[in-house]
Amino acid sequence: MSGIFVDAIPPDAPVAIVLVEQDGCDACAEFHPVFVELATPYAEAGLPILRLDANSQDPMAQAFMAKHHVRATPTLLLVPKYAYGIRVEAQDPASIKQALDWANGLHQPRAPWWQG
């Protein structure tokens, strides 16, 4: 397991990345190292990234996966605090990087629009 993952989404985080995987999944084993390599700089900059085990029996984990319609693994979700999550279907590095850039843009504090 990589050190980029947090144990829980911080309550004050405007957005989080959630990677749903499971042991014994060949696609997960292939996707995981690519994702970790691309996501490490974002995690180091403070973007919360959570790994969720699809086999978890935890009721909260099951409810989260049901809410976001997780039906297969790996599934990469961008979860904004005040909007519905976005599922990244493509697993190529360019799509992953685009999703991380988008989430990182929401995560970084900005001046209000009227302050330019």
C-alpha atoms as a PDB file:
ATOM      1  CA  MET A   1       0.000   0.000   0.000  1.00  0.00           C
ATOM      2  CA  SER A   2       1.253   3.445  -0.840  1.00  0.00           C
ATOM      3  CA  GLY A   3       1.621   6.314   1.598  1.00  0.00           C
ATOM      4  CA  ILE A   4      -0.481   8.674  -0.549  1.00  0.00           C
ATOM      5  CA  PHE A   5      -3.793   7.480   0.885  1.00  0.00           C
ATOM      6  CA  VAL A   6      -5.595   9.110   3.823  1.00  0.00           C
ATOM      7  CA  ASP A   7      -7.716   7.120   6.280  1.00  0.00           C
ATOM      8  CA  ALA A   8     -10.767   9.346   5.888  1.00  0.00           C
ATOM      9  CA  ILE A   9     -11.887  12.342   3.873  1.00  0.00           C
ATOM     10  CA  PRO A  10     -11.175  15.456   5.967  1.00  0.00           C
ATOM     11  CA  PRO A  11     -14.456  17.257   6.782  1.00  0.00           C
ATOM     12  CA  ASP A  12     -13.090  20.591   5.526  1.00  0.00           C
ATOM     13  CA  ALA A  13     -11.840  19.189   2.197  1.00  0.00           C
ATOM     14  CA  PRO A  14     -13.637  20.827  -0.752  1.00  0.00           C
ATOM     15  CA  VAL A  15     -12.941  17.741  -2.873  1.00  0.00           C
ATOM     16  CA  ALA A  16     -11.437  14.276  -2.494  1.00  0.00           C
ATOM     17  CA  ILE A  17     -10.344  11.485  -4.782  1.00  0.00           C
ATOM     18  CA  VAL A  18     -11.627   8.015  -3.912  1.00  0.00           C
ATOM     19  CA  LEU A  19     -10.087   4.945  -5.521  1.00  0.00           C
ATOM     20  CA  VAL A  20     -12.259   1.850  -5.131  1.00  0.00           C
ATOM     21  CA  GLU A  21     -10.246  -1.356  -5.529  1.00  0.00           C
ATOM     22  CA  GLN A  22     -10.263  -4.911  -4.298  1.00  0.00           C
ATOM     23  CA  ASP A  23      -7.679  -7.608  -3.687  1.00  0.00           C
ATOM     24  CA  GLY A  24      -7.458 -10.244  -6.384  1.00  0.00           C
ATOM     25  CA  CYS A  25      -8.592  -7.847  -9.123  1.00  0.00           C
ATOM     26  CA  ASP A  26      -6.191  -8.021 -12.084  1.00  0.00           C
ATOM     27  CA  ALA A  27      -7.368  -4.678 -13.454  1.00  0.00           C
ATOM     28  CA  CYS A  28      -6.801  -3.095 -10.016  1.00  0.00           C
ATOM     29  CA  ALA A  29      -3.288  -4.533  -9.837  1.00  0.00           C
ATOM     30  CA  GLU A  30      -2.535  -3.010 -13.236  1.00  0.00           C
ATOM     31  CA  PHE A  31      -4.187   0.353 -12.502  1.00  0.00           C
ATOM     32  CA  HIS A  32      -2.868   0.913  -8.961  1.00  0.00           C
ATOM     33  CA  PRO A  33       0.835   1.627  -9.695  1.00  0.00           C
ATOM     34  CA  VAL A  34      -0.035   3.932 -12.595  1.00  0.00           C
ATOM     35  CA  PHE A  35      -2.487   5.850 -10.422  1.00  0.00           C
ATOM     36  CA  VAL A  36      -0.061   6.104  -7.480  1.00  0.00           C
ATOM     37  CA  GLU A  37       2.707   7.447  -9.710  1.00  0.00           C
ATOM     38  CA  LEU A  38       0.415  10.117 -11.171  1.00  0.00           C
ATOM     39  CA  ALA A  39      -1.337  10.968  -7.885  1.00  0.00           C
ATOM     40  CA  THR A  40       1.704  11.251  -5.601  1.00  0.00           C
ATOM     41  CA  PRO A  41       2.477  14.944  -6.328  1.00  0.00           C
ATOM     42  CA  TYR A  42      -1.179  15.849  -5.731  1.00  0.00           C
ATOM     43  CA  ALA A  43      -1.294  13.956  -2.431  1.00  0.00           C
ATOM     44  CA  GLU A  44       1.952  15.614  -1.350  1.00  0.00           C
ATOM     45  CA  ALA A  45       0.329  18.995  -2.117  1.00  0.00           C
ATOM     46  CA  GLY A  46      -2.574  18.127   0.211  1.00  0.00           C
ATOM     47  CA  LEU A  47      -5.244  16.702  -2.098  1.00  0.00           C
ATOM     48  CA  PRO A  48      -7.004  13.999  -0.028  1.00  0.00           C
ATOM     49  CA  ILE A  49      -6.923  10.595  -1.719  1.00  0.00           C
ATOM     50  CA  LEU A  50      -8.726   7.671  -0.129  1.00  0.00           C
ATOM     51  CA  ARG A  51      -8.526   3.983  -1.071  1.00  0.00           C
ATOM     52  CA  LEU A  52     -11.758   2.106  -0.467  1.00  0.00           C
ATOM     53  CA  ASP A  53     -11.833  -1.694  -0.471  1.00  0.00           C
ATOM     54  CA  ALA A  54     -14.790  -2.832  -2.564  1.00  0.00           C
ATOM     55  CA  ASN A  55     -15.047  -5.950  -0.383  1.00  0.00           C
ATOM     56  CA  SER A  56     -15.445  -3.931   2.812  1.00  0.00           C
ATOM     57  CA  GLN A  57     -18.437  -4.935   4.897  1.00  0.00           C
ATOM     58  CA  ASP A  58     -18.474  -1.532   6.602  1.00  0.00           C
ATOM     59  CA  PRO A  59     -22.022  -0.126   6.196  1.00  0.00           C
ATOM     60  CA  MET A  60     -20.680   3.380   5.452  1.00  0.00           C
ATOM     61  CA  ALA A  61     -18.370   2.041   2.735  1.00  0.00           C
ATOM     62  CA  GLN A  62     -21.213   0.028   1.223  1.00  0.00           C
ATOM     63  CA  ALA A  63     -23.530   3.062   1.305  1.00  0.00           C
ATOM     64  CA  PHE A  64     -20.862   5.244  -0.323  1.00  0.00           C
ATOM     65  CA  MET A  65     -20.330   2.718  -3.136  1.00  0.00           C
ATOM     66  CA  ALA A  66     -24.083   2.376  -3.658  1.00  0.00           C
ATOM     67  CA  LYS A  67     -24.565   6.155  -3.755  1.00  0.00           C
ATOM     68  CA  HIS A  68     -21.860   6.470  -6.416  1.00  0.00           C
ATOM     69  CA  HIS A  69     -23.009   3.401  -8.366  1.00  0.00           C
ATOM     70  CA  VAL A  70     -19.726   1.512  -8.043  1.00  0.00           C
ATOM     71  CA  ARG A  71     -20.276  -1.707  -9.963  1.00  0.00           C
ATOM     72  CA  ALA A  72     -16.735  -2.668 -10.993  1.00  0.00           C
ATOM     73  CA  THR A  73     -13.175  -2.150  -9.889  1.00  0.00           C
ATOM     74  CA  PRO A  74     -11.087  -0.186 -10.164  1.00  0.00           C
ATOM     75  CA  THR A  75     -13.343   2.840  -9.986  1.00  0.00           C
ATOM     76  CA  LEU A  76     -11.908   6.332  -9.600  1.00  0.00           C
ATOM     77  CA  LEU A  77     -14.256   8.949  -8.136  1.00  0.00           C
ATOM     78  CA  LEU A  78     -13.832  12.691  -7.737  1.00  0.00           C
ATOM     79  CA  VAL A  79     -16.052  13.710  -4.872  1.00  0.00           C
ATOM     80  CA  PRO A  80     -16.679  17.458  -4.479  1.00  0.00           C
ATOM     81  CA  LYS A  81     -18.118  18.494  -1.117  1.00  0.00           C
ATOM     82  CA  TYR A  82     -21.127  20.323  -2.567  1.00  0.00           C
ATOM     83  CA  ALA A  83     -21.842  18.350  -5.710  1.00  0.00           C
ATOM     84  CA  TYR A  84     -22.395  14.818  -6.863  1.00  0.00           C
ATOM     85  CA  GLY A  85     -19.265  12.744  -7.466  1.00  0.00           C
ATOM     86  CA  ILE A  86     -17.780  12.242 -10.896  1.00  0.00           C
ATOM     87  CA  ARG A  87     -16.665   8.808 -12.039  1.00  0.00           C
ATOM     88  CA  VAL A  88     -13.595   8.584 -14.263  1.00  0.00           C
ATOM     89  CA  GLU A  89     -14.282   5.710 -16.635  1.00  0.00           C
ATOM     90  CA  ALA A  90     -11.114   5.867 -18.715  1.00  0.00           C
ATOM     91  CA  GLN A  91      -8.032   4.368 -17.118  1.00  0.00           C
ATOM     92  CA  ASP A  92      -5.375   5.834 -19.374  1.00  0.00           C
ATOM     93  CA  PRO A  93      -2.769   8.129 -17.792  1.00  0.00           C
ATOM     94  CA  ALA A  94      -3.998  11.244 -19.652  1.00  0.00           C
ATOM     95  CA  SER A  95      -7.555  10.821 -18.294  1.00  0.00           C
ATOM     96  CA  ILE A  96      -6.273  10.159 -14.781  1.00  0.00           C
ATOM     97  CA  LYS A  97      -4.067  13.266 -14.894  1.00  0.00           C
ATOM     98  CA  GLN A  98      -6.954  15.374 -16.216  1.00  0.00           C
ATOM     99  CA  ALA A  99      -9.150  14.213 -13.318  1.00  0.00           C
ATOM    100  CA  LEU A 100      -6.410  14.928 -10.774  1.00  0.00           C
ATOM    101  CA  ASP A 101      -5.837  18.402 -12.254  1.00  0.00           C
ATOM    102  CA  TRP A 102      -9.562  19.138 -12.039  1.00  0.00           C
ATOM    103  CA  ALA A 103      -9.799  17.969  -8.425  1.00  0.00           C
ATOM    104  CA  ASN A 104      -6.644  19.843  -7.480  1.00  0.00           C
ATOM    105  CA  GLY A 105      -8.142  23.027  -8.942  1.00  0.00           C
ATOM    106  CA  LEU A 106     -11.122  22.650  -6.610  1.00  0.00           C
ATOM    107  CA  HIS A 107      -8.854  21.837  -3.675  1.00  0.00           C
ATOM    108  CA  GLN A 108      -6.610  24.904  -3.966  1.00  0.00           C
ATOM    109  CA  PRO A 109      -7.865  28.026  -2.203  1.00  0.00           C
ATOM    110  CA  ARG A 110      -8.706  30.944  -4.484  1.00  0.00           C
ATOM    111  CA  ALA A 111      -9.494  34.592  -4.070  1.00  0.00           C
ATOM    112  CA  PRO A 112     -13.166  35.458  -4.627  1.00  0.00           C
ATOM    113  CA  TRP A 113     -14.030  36.195  -8.244  1.00  0.00           C
ATOM    114  CA  TRP A 114     -14.516  39.906  -7.531  1.00  0.00           C
ATOM    115  CA  GLN A 115     -10.904  40.189  -6.326  1.00  0.00           C
ATOM    116  CA  GLY A 116      -9.656  39.088  -9.717  1.00  0.00           C
END
